[in-house]
Amino acid sequence: MAYDVDVAAVRELLLVVAVAAVGLLLALAVAFTPWPAQPGGAGPAGLVELHGPPGTAGRTDVHAG
């Protein structure tokens, strides 16, 4: 009787580990697979332009407060 309980516990634990491994593989695939920026293909890669609020270009005396 105790043998059946041990086998069932090991089987359930292996199932949980297998589902976790599949989930981890899916998460890695989503994280490291390039996503197309346009339908049908990847868009061109480029740098991002940073823009500040108007009137603050070149200001160095900005203080919090």
N, C-alpha and C. Protein backbone atom coordinates (compact mmCIF):
# COMPACT_ATOMS: atom_id res chain seq x y z
N MET A 1 0.81 -1.18 0.00
CA MET A 1 0.00 0.00 0.00
C MET A 1 0.87 1.26 0.00
N ALA A 2 1.91 1.28 0.83
CA ALA A 2 2.79 2.44 0.88
C ALA A 2 3.56 2.60 -0.43
N TYR A 3 3.81 1.47 -1.11
CA TYR A 3 4.52 1.53 -2.39
C TYR A 3 3.70 2.27 -3.42
N ASP A 4 2.39 2.06 -3.46
CA ASP A 4 1.53 2.75 -4.41
C ASP A 4 1.52 4.26 -4.17
N VAL A 5 1.55 4.65 -2.91
CA VAL A 5 1.55 6.07 -2.59
C VAL A 5 2.86 6.71 -3.03
N ASP A 6 3.98 6.03 -2.82
CA ASP A 6 5.27 6.57 -3.23
C ASP A 6 5.36 6.71 -4.75
N VAL A 7 4.87 5.72 -5.48
CA VAL A 7 4.90 5.78 -6.94
C VAL A 7 4.02 6.92 -7.44
N ALA A 8 2.86 7.10 -6.84
CA ALA A 8 1.97 8.18 -7.25
C ALA A 8 2.59 9.54 -6.95
N ALA A 9 3.26 9.67 -5.82
CA ALA A 9 3.90 10.94 -5.47
C ALA A 9 5.04 11.26 -6.43
N VAL A 10 5.83 10.27 -6.78
CA VAL A 10 6.94 10.48 -7.72
C VAL A 10 6.39 10.84 -9.09
N ARG A 11 5.34 10.16 -9.52
CA ARG A 11 4.73 10.43 -10.81
C ARG A 11 4.20 11.86 -10.86
N GLU A 12 3.54 12.30 -9.80
CA GLU A 12 3.01 13.66 -9.76
C GLU A 12 4.13 14.69 -9.75
N LEU A 13 5.18 14.41 -9.00
CA LEU A 13 6.32 15.32 -8.95
C LEU A 13 6.99 15.43 -10.32
N LEU A 14 7.14 14.33 -11.01
CA LEU A 14 7.72 14.36 -12.36
C LEU A 14 6.83 15.14 -13.33
N LEU A 15 5.52 15.01 -13.19
CA LEU A 15 4.61 15.77 -14.02
C LEU A 15 4.75 17.26 -13.77
N VAL A 16 4.85 17.66 -12.51
CA VAL A 16 5.01 19.07 -12.17
C VAL A 16 6.32 19.61 -12.73
N VAL A 17 7.38 18.84 -12.60
CA VAL A 17 8.69 19.27 -13.12
C VAL A 17 8.65 19.36 -14.65
N ALA A 18 7.98 18.42 -15.31
CA ALA A 18 7.89 18.45 -16.77
C ALA A 18 7.10 19.67 -17.25
N VAL A 19 5.99 19.99 -16.58
CA VAL A 19 5.20 21.16 -16.97
C VAL A 19 6.00 22.44 -16.73
N ALA A 20 6.74 22.49 -15.64
CA ALA A 20 7.57 23.66 -15.36
C ALA A 20 8.67 23.81 -16.41
N ALA A 21 9.27 22.72 -16.84
CA ALA A 21 10.31 22.77 -17.86
C ALA A 21 9.74 23.25 -19.19
N VAL A 22 8.56 22.77 -19.56
CA VAL A 22 7.93 23.22 -20.80
C VAL A 22 7.63 24.72 -20.72
N GLY A 23 7.14 25.17 -19.59
CA GLY A 23 6.86 26.60 -19.41
C GLY A 23 8.12 27.44 -19.50
N LEU A 24 9.21 26.96 -18.93
CA LEU A 24 10.48 27.67 -19.00
C LEU A 24 10.98 27.73 -20.43
N LEU A 25 10.86 26.64 -21.16
CA LEU A 25 11.29 26.64 -22.57
C LEU A 25 10.45 27.61 -23.40
N LEU A 26 9.16 27.65 -23.15
CA LEU A 26 8.30 28.59 -23.87
C LEU A 26 8.67 30.04 -23.53
N ALA A 27 8.93 30.31 -22.27
CA ALA A 27 9.31 31.66 -21.87
C ALA A 27 10.64 32.07 -22.50
N LEU A 28 11.60 31.17 -22.56
CA LEU A 28 12.87 31.47 -23.21
C LEU A 28 12.70 31.69 -24.70
N ALA A 29 11.85 30.90 -25.33
CA ALA A 29 11.60 31.08 -26.77
C ALA A 29 10.98 32.44 -27.03
N VAL A 30 10.03 32.85 -26.20
CA VAL A 30 9.39 34.16 -26.39
C VAL A 30 10.38 35.28 -26.12
N ALA A 31 11.23 35.12 -25.13
CA ALA A 31 12.15 36.19 -24.76
C ALA A 31 13.26 36.39 -25.78
N PHE A 32 13.72 35.32 -26.40
CA PHE A 32 14.89 35.43 -27.27
C PHE A 32 14.59 35.28 -28.76
N THR A 33 13.33 35.14 -29.12
CA THR A 33 12.96 35.07 -30.53
C THR A 33 12.67 36.49 -31.01
N PRO A 34 13.27 36.90 -32.13
CA PRO A 34 12.99 38.25 -32.62
C PRO A 34 11.55 38.37 -33.11
N TRP A 35 10.88 39.43 -32.69
CA TRP A 35 9.50 39.67 -33.08
C TRP A 35 9.48 40.62 -34.25
N PRO A 36 8.71 40.32 -35.28
CA PRO A 36 8.66 41.23 -36.43
C PRO A 36 7.94 42.54 -36.06
N ALA A 37 8.51 43.66 -36.50
CA ALA A 37 7.89 44.95 -36.23
C ALA A 37 6.75 45.23 -37.20
N GLN A 38 6.78 44.57 -38.34
CA GLN A 38 5.74 44.74 -39.35
C GLN A 38 5.16 43.38 -39.67
N PRO A 39 3.92 43.33 -40.07
CA PRO A 39 3.38 42.04 -40.50
C PRO A 39 4.12 41.54 -41.73
N GLY A 40 4.57 40.33 -41.68
CA GLY A 40 5.24 39.73 -42.82
C GLY A 40 6.75 39.84 -42.80
N GLY A 41 7.32 40.49 -41.82
CA GLY A 41 8.78 40.58 -41.79
C GLY A 41 9.26 41.52 -40.72
N ALA A 42 10.53 41.45 -40.44
CA ALA A 42 11.13 42.30 -39.42
C ALA A 42 11.42 43.67 -40.00
N GLY A 43 11.23 44.69 -39.18
CA GLY A 43 11.52 46.05 -39.60
C GLY A 43 13.00 46.34 -39.47
N PRO A 44 13.43 47.43 -40.05
CA PRO A 44 14.85 47.78 -39.96
C PRO A 44 15.23 48.19 -38.54
N ALA A 45 16.41 47.82 -38.13
CA ALA A 45 16.89 48.17 -36.79
C ALA A 45 17.50 49.56 -36.85
N GLY A 46 17.30 50.33 -35.81
CA GLY A 46 17.87 51.68 -35.77
C GLY A 46 17.94 52.17 -34.34
N LEU A 47 18.63 53.29 -34.16
CA LEU A 47 18.76 53.89 -32.85
C LEU A 47 17.50 54.64 -32.48
N VAL A 48 17.28 54.78 -31.21
CA VAL A 48 16.13 55.51 -30.70
C VAL A 48 16.56 56.95 -30.45
N GLU A 49 15.74 57.90 -30.90
CA GLU A 49 16.04 59.30 -30.64
C GLU A 49 15.40 59.71 -29.32
N LEU A 50 16.16 60.41 -28.49
CA LEU A 50 15.66 60.88 -27.22
C LEU A 50 15.29 62.35 -27.34
N HIS A 51 14.10 62.71 -26.89
CA HIS A 51 13.63 64.09 -26.94
C HIS A 51 13.21 64.51 -25.54
N GLY A 52 13.68 65.69 -25.13
CA GLY A 52 13.28 66.24 -23.84
C GLY A 52 12.09 67.17 -24.01
N PRO A 53 11.56 67.66 -22.91
CA PRO A 53 10.45 68.61 -23.00
C PRO A 53 10.92 69.91 -23.67
N PRO A 54 10.02 70.61 -24.33
CA PRO A 54 10.42 71.84 -25.01
C PRO A 54 10.96 72.88 -24.03
N GLY A 55 11.97 73.61 -24.45
CA GLY A 55 12.52 74.69 -23.63
C GLY A 55 13.60 74.25 -22.67
N THR A 56 13.97 72.98 -22.65
CA THR A 56 15.01 72.54 -21.71
C THR A 56 16.29 72.15 -22.42
N ALA A 57 16.40 72.40 -23.70
CA ALA A 57 17.59 72.01 -24.45
C ALA A 57 18.77 72.85 -23.97
N GLY A 58 19.83 72.21 -23.55
CA GLY A 58 21.05 72.89 -23.14
C GLY A 58 21.04 73.42 -21.73
N ARG A 59 19.98 73.25 -20.97
CA ARG A 59 19.94 73.74 -19.59
C ARG A 59 20.75 72.84 -18.70
N THR A 60 21.58 73.44 -17.86
CA THR A 60 22.37 72.68 -16.91
C THR A 60 22.03 73.03 -15.47
N ASP A 61 21.16 74.03 -15.26
CA ASP A 61 20.83 74.46 -13.91
C ASP A 61 19.49 73.91 -13.43
N VAL A 62 19.16 72.71 -13.86
CA VAL A 62 17.89 72.10 -13.47
C VAL A 62 18.03 71.53 -12.07
N HIS A 63 17.15 71.99 -11.17
CA HIS A 63 17.17 71.51 -9.79
C HIS A 63 15.80 70.99 -9.41
N ALA A 64 15.79 69.95 -8.60
CA ALA A 64 14.51 69.44 -8.09
C ALA A 64 14.02 70.37 -6.99
N GLY A 65 12.74 70.61 -6.99
CA GLY A 65 12.33 71.36 -5.86
C GLY A 65 11.14 72.16 -6.02
